[in-house]
N, C-alpha and C. Protein backbone atom coordinates (compact mmCIF):
# COMPACT_ATOMS: atom_id res chain seq x y z
N MET A 1 129.59 108.02 81.34
CA MET A 1 128.48 108.43 80.51
C MET A 1 128.71 107.96 79.08
N LYS A 2 127.68 107.59 78.41
CA LYS A 2 127.73 107.14 77.04
C LYS A 2 128.25 108.25 76.13
N GLN A 3 129.17 107.92 75.25
CA GLN A 3 129.74 108.89 74.32
C GLN A 3 128.93 108.93 73.03
N HIS A 4 128.60 110.14 72.58
CA HIS A 4 127.94 110.34 71.30
C HIS A 4 128.97 110.85 70.31
N ARG A 5 129.02 110.27 69.14
CA ARG A 5 130.05 110.65 68.17
C ARG A 5 129.94 112.10 67.72
N ASN A 6 128.75 112.61 67.56
CA ASN A 6 128.58 113.96 67.02
C ASN A 6 128.34 115.02 68.09
N VAL A 7 128.56 114.68 69.34
CA VAL A 7 128.35 115.61 70.44
C VAL A 7 129.65 115.75 71.21
N SER A 8 130.04 117.00 71.48
CA SER A 8 131.29 117.23 72.20
C SER A 8 131.13 116.89 73.68
N SER A 9 132.25 116.75 74.35
CA SER A 9 132.25 116.49 75.79
C SER A 9 131.54 117.63 76.52
N ARG A 10 131.76 118.84 76.08
CA ARG A 10 131.11 120.01 76.70
C ARG A 10 129.60 119.93 76.53
N GLN A 11 129.14 119.54 75.35
CA GLN A 11 127.70 119.41 75.11
C GLN A 11 127.10 118.32 75.99
N GLU A 12 127.81 117.22 76.15
CA GLU A 12 127.35 116.15 77.03
C GLU A 12 127.25 116.63 78.47
N GLN A 13 128.24 117.39 78.92
CA GLN A 13 128.21 117.93 80.28
C GLN A 13 127.04 118.88 80.47
N GLN A 14 126.75 119.70 79.46
CA GLN A 14 125.63 120.62 79.54
C GLN A 14 124.30 119.86 79.59
N ALA A 15 124.18 118.80 78.80
CA ALA A 15 122.96 117.99 78.80
C ALA A 15 122.76 117.35 80.18
N GLU A 16 123.84 116.86 80.76
CA GLU A 16 123.76 116.26 82.10
C GLU A 16 123.35 117.32 83.12
N LYS A 17 123.93 118.50 83.03
CA LYS A 17 123.59 119.59 83.94
C LYS A 17 122.11 119.96 83.82
N ARG A 18 121.58 119.99 82.60
CA ARG A 18 120.16 120.30 82.40
C ARG A 18 119.27 119.21 82.99
N LEU A 19 119.72 117.96 82.88
CA LEU A 19 118.96 116.86 83.49
C LEU A 19 118.87 117.05 85.01
N TYR A 20 120.00 117.36 85.64
CA TYR A 20 119.99 117.56 87.08
C TYR A 20 119.10 118.73 87.46
N ALA A 21 119.12 119.79 86.67
CA ALA A 21 118.25 120.95 86.94
C ALA A 21 116.79 120.55 86.81
N ALA A 22 116.47 119.70 85.84
CA ALA A 22 115.09 119.24 85.68
C ALA A 22 114.64 118.44 86.90
N VAL A 23 115.49 117.55 87.38
CA VAL A 23 115.15 116.76 88.57
C VAL A 23 114.98 117.67 89.78
N ALA A 24 115.87 118.65 89.92
CA ALA A 24 115.78 119.56 91.05
C ALA A 24 114.51 120.41 91.01
N ALA A 25 113.92 120.58 89.83
CA ALA A 25 112.69 121.37 89.70
C ALA A 25 111.45 120.62 90.16
N LEU A 26 111.55 119.30 90.31
CA LEU A 26 110.41 118.50 90.74
C LEU A 26 110.13 118.76 92.21
N ARG A 27 108.84 118.82 92.57
CA ARG A 27 108.48 119.22 93.93
C ARG A 27 107.86 118.12 94.77
N THR A 28 107.25 117.13 94.14
CA THR A 28 106.57 116.09 94.91
C THR A 28 106.98 114.72 94.37
N ALA A 29 106.69 113.70 95.17
CA ALA A 29 106.95 112.33 94.72
C ALA A 29 106.14 112.00 93.48
N GLU A 30 104.92 112.52 93.40
CA GLU A 30 104.08 112.26 92.22
C GLU A 30 104.67 112.91 90.97
N GLU A 31 105.22 114.11 91.10
CA GLU A 31 105.89 114.75 89.96
C GLU A 31 107.10 113.93 89.54
N CYS A 32 107.87 113.45 90.51
CA CYS A 32 109.03 112.62 90.21
C CYS A 32 108.61 111.35 89.49
N LYS A 33 107.55 110.73 89.97
CA LYS A 33 107.05 109.50 89.35
C LYS A 33 106.70 109.75 87.88
N ALA A 34 105.96 110.81 87.61
CA ALA A 34 105.57 111.11 86.23
C ALA A 34 106.79 111.38 85.36
N PHE A 35 107.73 112.17 85.86
CA PHE A 35 108.93 112.51 85.09
C PHE A 35 109.75 111.27 84.79
N PHE A 36 110.05 110.46 85.82
CA PHE A 36 110.89 109.29 85.61
C PHE A 36 110.20 108.23 84.75
N LYS A 37 108.89 108.11 84.83
CA LYS A 37 108.18 107.15 83.96
C LYS A 37 108.23 107.60 82.51
N ASP A 38 108.26 108.91 82.28
CA ASP A 38 108.43 109.42 80.91
C ASP A 38 109.88 109.29 80.44
N LEU A 39 110.82 109.52 81.33
CA LEU A 39 112.23 109.58 80.98
C LEU A 39 112.87 108.20 80.81
N CYS A 40 112.50 107.25 81.65
CA CYS A 40 113.21 105.97 81.74
C CYS A 40 112.38 104.81 81.20
N THR A 41 113.08 103.77 80.78
CA THR A 41 112.41 102.53 80.44
C THR A 41 112.04 101.83 81.74
N PRO A 42 111.09 100.88 81.68
CA PRO A 42 110.78 100.12 82.90
C PRO A 42 112.02 99.44 83.50
N ALA A 43 112.91 98.94 82.67
CA ALA A 43 114.12 98.28 83.18
C ALA A 43 115.04 99.28 83.87
N GLU A 44 115.16 100.48 83.34
CA GLU A 44 115.99 101.51 83.98
C GLU A 44 115.41 101.91 85.33
N LEU A 45 114.10 102.08 85.38
CA LEU A 45 113.44 102.41 86.65
C LEU A 45 113.65 101.31 87.67
N GLN A 46 113.51 100.05 87.24
CA GLN A 46 113.69 98.92 88.16
C GLN A 46 115.12 98.88 88.68
N ALA A 47 116.09 99.14 87.80
CA ALA A 47 117.50 99.13 88.23
C ALA A 47 117.75 100.21 89.28
N MET A 48 117.19 101.40 89.08
CA MET A 48 117.37 102.47 90.06
C MET A 48 116.65 102.15 91.37
N ALA A 49 115.44 101.62 91.26
CA ALA A 49 114.68 101.25 92.46
C ALA A 49 115.41 100.16 93.24
N ASP A 50 115.98 99.20 92.53
CA ASP A 50 116.75 98.13 93.19
C ASP A 50 117.92 98.72 93.97
N ARG A 51 118.67 99.62 93.33
CA ARG A 51 119.82 100.22 94.01
C ARG A 51 119.38 100.98 95.25
N TRP A 52 118.31 101.75 95.10
CA TRP A 52 117.84 102.54 96.24
C TRP A 52 117.35 101.63 97.37
N ALA A 53 116.72 100.51 97.03
CA ALA A 53 116.23 99.57 98.05
C ALA A 53 117.38 99.00 98.88
N VAL A 54 118.55 98.91 98.29
CA VAL A 54 119.72 98.32 98.95
C VAL A 54 120.39 99.30 99.92
N VAL A 55 120.28 100.60 99.65
CA VAL A 55 121.03 101.60 100.41
C VAL A 55 120.81 101.48 101.92
N GLU A 56 119.57 101.44 102.35
CA GLU A 56 119.28 101.39 103.79
C GLU A 56 119.93 100.17 104.45
N TYR A 57 119.85 99.03 103.79
CA TYR A 57 120.42 97.81 104.36
C TYR A 57 121.94 97.89 104.43
N VAL A 58 122.57 98.46 103.40
CA VAL A 58 124.03 98.63 103.42
C VAL A 58 124.42 99.57 104.55
N GLN A 59 123.67 100.65 104.70
CA GLN A 59 123.98 101.61 105.76
C GLN A 59 123.83 100.99 107.15
N LYS A 60 122.95 100.01 107.27
CA LYS A 60 122.77 99.31 108.55
C LYS A 60 123.83 98.23 108.76
N GLY A 61 124.63 97.95 107.73
CA GLY A 61 125.69 96.97 107.86
C GLY A 61 125.27 95.53 107.68
N LEU A 62 124.12 95.29 107.06
CA LEU A 62 123.68 93.92 106.83
C LEU A 62 124.62 93.22 105.84
N PRO A 63 124.84 91.93 106.00
CA PRO A 63 125.66 91.17 105.05
C PRO A 63 125.00 91.16 103.66
N TYR A 64 125.82 91.12 102.63
CA TYR A 64 125.31 91.15 101.26
C TYR A 64 124.31 90.04 100.99
N ARG A 65 124.59 88.84 101.48
CA ARG A 65 123.67 87.71 101.24
C ARG A 65 122.30 87.96 101.88
N GLU A 66 122.30 88.59 103.05
CA GLU A 66 121.03 88.91 103.71
C GLU A 66 120.28 89.98 102.92
N ILE A 67 121.01 90.98 102.42
CA ILE A 67 120.38 92.02 101.59
C ILE A 67 119.79 91.39 100.33
N HIS A 68 120.53 90.46 99.74
CA HIS A 68 120.04 89.75 98.56
C HIS A 68 118.75 88.99 98.90
N ARG A 69 118.75 88.31 100.04
CA ARG A 69 117.57 87.56 100.45
C ARG A 69 116.36 88.48 100.64
N LEU A 70 116.59 89.65 101.21
CA LEU A 70 115.51 90.59 101.49
C LEU A 70 115.00 91.33 100.24
N THR A 71 115.89 91.58 99.29
CA THR A 71 115.53 92.43 98.15
C THR A 71 115.49 91.71 96.81
N GLY A 72 116.19 90.61 96.69
CA GLY A 72 116.30 89.94 95.40
C GLY A 72 117.33 90.58 94.48
N VAL A 73 118.00 91.61 94.95
CA VAL A 73 119.01 92.32 94.15
C VAL A 73 120.29 91.49 94.14
N SER A 74 120.98 91.47 93.00
CA SER A 74 122.19 90.66 92.88
C SER A 74 123.28 91.15 93.83
N VAL A 75 124.12 90.21 94.25
CA VAL A 75 125.22 90.54 95.15
C VAL A 75 126.18 91.52 94.46
N THR A 76 126.33 91.42 93.14
CA THR A 76 127.18 92.35 92.40
C THR A 76 126.65 93.78 92.51
N THR A 77 125.35 93.95 92.33
CA THR A 77 124.74 95.28 92.45
C THR A 77 124.84 95.78 93.89
N ILE A 78 124.63 94.91 94.85
CA ILE A 78 124.76 95.28 96.25
C ILE A 78 126.18 95.81 96.52
N GLY A 79 127.17 95.10 96.00
CA GLY A 79 128.56 95.54 96.16
C GLY A 79 128.81 96.90 95.53
N ARG A 80 128.24 97.14 94.37
CA ARG A 80 128.39 98.43 93.69
C ARG A 80 127.77 99.54 94.53
N VAL A 81 126.56 99.30 95.03
CA VAL A 81 125.90 100.29 95.89
C VAL A 81 126.74 100.53 97.14
N ALA A 82 127.23 99.47 97.75
CA ALA A 82 128.02 99.59 98.98
C ALA A 82 129.27 100.44 98.75
N ARG A 83 129.92 100.27 97.60
CA ARG A 83 131.10 101.09 97.29
C ARG A 83 130.74 102.57 97.26
N PHE A 84 129.60 102.91 96.66
CA PHE A 84 129.22 104.31 96.57
C PHE A 84 128.67 104.85 97.89
N VAL A 85 128.07 103.99 98.70
CA VAL A 85 127.66 104.43 100.04
C VAL A 85 128.91 104.79 100.84
N ALA A 86 129.95 103.97 100.71
CA ALA A 86 131.17 104.17 101.48
C ALA A 86 132.06 105.29 100.92
N ALA A 87 132.17 105.38 99.61
CA ALA A 87 133.15 106.30 99.03
C ALA A 87 132.68 106.90 97.72
N GLY A 88 131.41 107.22 97.65
CA GLY A 88 130.88 107.82 96.43
C GLY A 88 130.90 109.32 96.50
N ASN A 89 129.87 109.93 95.98
CA ASN A 89 129.77 111.38 95.91
C ASN A 89 128.92 111.98 97.03
N GLY A 90 128.42 111.14 97.94
CA GLY A 90 127.64 111.61 99.07
C GLY A 90 126.15 111.71 98.81
N GLY A 91 125.72 111.36 97.61
CA GLY A 91 124.30 111.47 97.27
C GLY A 91 123.40 110.55 98.07
N TYR A 92 123.83 109.31 98.24
CA TYR A 92 123.01 108.37 99.02
C TYR A 92 122.82 108.89 100.44
N GLN A 93 123.92 109.33 101.07
CA GLN A 93 123.83 109.81 102.45
C GLN A 93 122.95 111.06 102.54
N LEU A 94 123.11 111.97 101.60
CA LEU A 94 122.34 113.21 101.62
C LEU A 94 120.85 112.93 101.57
N VAL A 95 120.43 112.12 100.62
CA VAL A 95 119.01 111.83 100.49
C VAL A 95 118.50 111.02 101.67
N SER A 96 119.28 110.06 102.12
CA SER A 96 118.87 109.26 103.29
C SER A 96 118.64 110.15 104.50
N GLN A 97 119.55 111.08 104.75
CA GLN A 97 119.42 111.98 105.89
C GLN A 97 118.19 112.87 105.74
N ARG A 98 117.94 113.35 104.54
CA ARG A 98 116.77 114.21 104.34
C ARG A 98 115.48 113.43 104.55
N ILE A 99 115.44 112.21 104.08
CA ILE A 99 114.24 111.39 104.26
C ILE A 99 114.03 111.08 105.73
N GLU A 100 115.09 110.73 106.44
CA GLU A 100 114.99 110.43 107.87
C GLU A 100 114.51 111.64 108.66
N GLY A 101 114.87 112.83 108.21
CA GLY A 101 114.51 114.05 108.91
C GLY A 101 113.09 114.52 108.64
N GLN A 102 112.42 113.90 107.68
CA GLN A 102 111.05 114.30 107.35
C GLN A 102 110.07 113.65 108.31
N PRO A 103 109.11 114.42 108.79
CA PRO A 103 108.08 113.80 109.62
C PRO A 103 107.24 112.85 108.78
N LYS A 104 106.77 111.80 109.40
CA LYS A 104 105.89 110.85 108.72
C LYS A 104 104.54 111.52 108.51
N ARG A 105 104.10 111.53 107.25
CA ARG A 105 102.82 112.15 106.93
C ARG A 105 101.98 111.16 106.14
N ASN A 106 100.67 111.41 106.15
CA ASN A 106 99.81 110.53 105.38
C ASN A 106 98.87 111.33 104.51
N GLY A 107 98.38 110.73 103.45
CA GLY A 107 97.40 111.22 102.51
C GLY A 107 97.09 112.69 102.49
N ASP A 108 95.96 113.08 103.10
CA ASP A 108 95.48 114.45 103.04
C ASP A 108 96.44 115.43 103.69
N ALA A 109 97.06 115.02 104.78
CA ALA A 109 98.00 115.91 105.45
C ALA A 109 99.16 116.24 104.52
N THR A 110 99.65 115.24 103.79
CA THR A 110 100.73 115.47 102.84
C THR A 110 100.30 116.42 101.75
N LYS A 111 99.10 116.22 101.21
CA LYS A 111 98.60 117.10 100.15
C LYS A 111 98.46 118.53 100.65
N ARG A 112 97.93 118.70 101.85
CA ARG A 112 97.76 120.05 102.42
C ARG A 112 99.12 120.71 102.63
N THR A 113 100.07 119.95 103.15
CA THR A 113 101.40 120.50 103.39
C THR A 113 102.06 120.90 102.08
N GLU A 114 101.96 120.03 101.06
CA GLU A 114 102.55 120.34 99.75
C GLU A 114 101.89 121.57 99.14
N ALA A 115 100.57 121.68 99.24
CA ALA A 115 99.86 122.81 98.69
C ALA A 115 100.28 124.10 99.38
N ALA A 116 100.42 124.05 100.69
CA ALA A 116 100.82 125.23 101.44
C ALA A 116 102.26 125.64 101.10
N ARG A 117 103.12 124.67 100.92
CA ARG A 117 104.52 124.94 100.64
C ARG A 117 104.72 125.49 99.23
N HIS A 118 103.94 125.00 98.26
CA HIS A 118 104.19 125.34 96.86
C HIS A 118 103.14 126.24 96.25
N GLY A 119 102.31 126.80 97.06
CA GLY A 119 101.49 127.81 96.49
C GLY A 119 100.06 127.61 96.37
């Protein structure tokens, strides 16, 4: 994490914790989209989207060059993602499993389900 000269390590940890709490408070993909578009620069969003696009291919065991051909993401970034898929904090696997476990929904059905779930 980037170090701020006038902010203590504890303050930085608290700021990071509040960020995670903010993300956890989001309920829909549309809410996430609005939040991340406000929070991140277009380049930051693209970098995160690139990494996420690579995860499925790494999990399937595709060669890095093939993943590069399919996504346009650099082999260096693919390698970084692969390291965290293999020995990271478990976040990629957790979200991948949750997404795989979700039933495929479309348009109105998704809106009705979200409305029923959140009030």
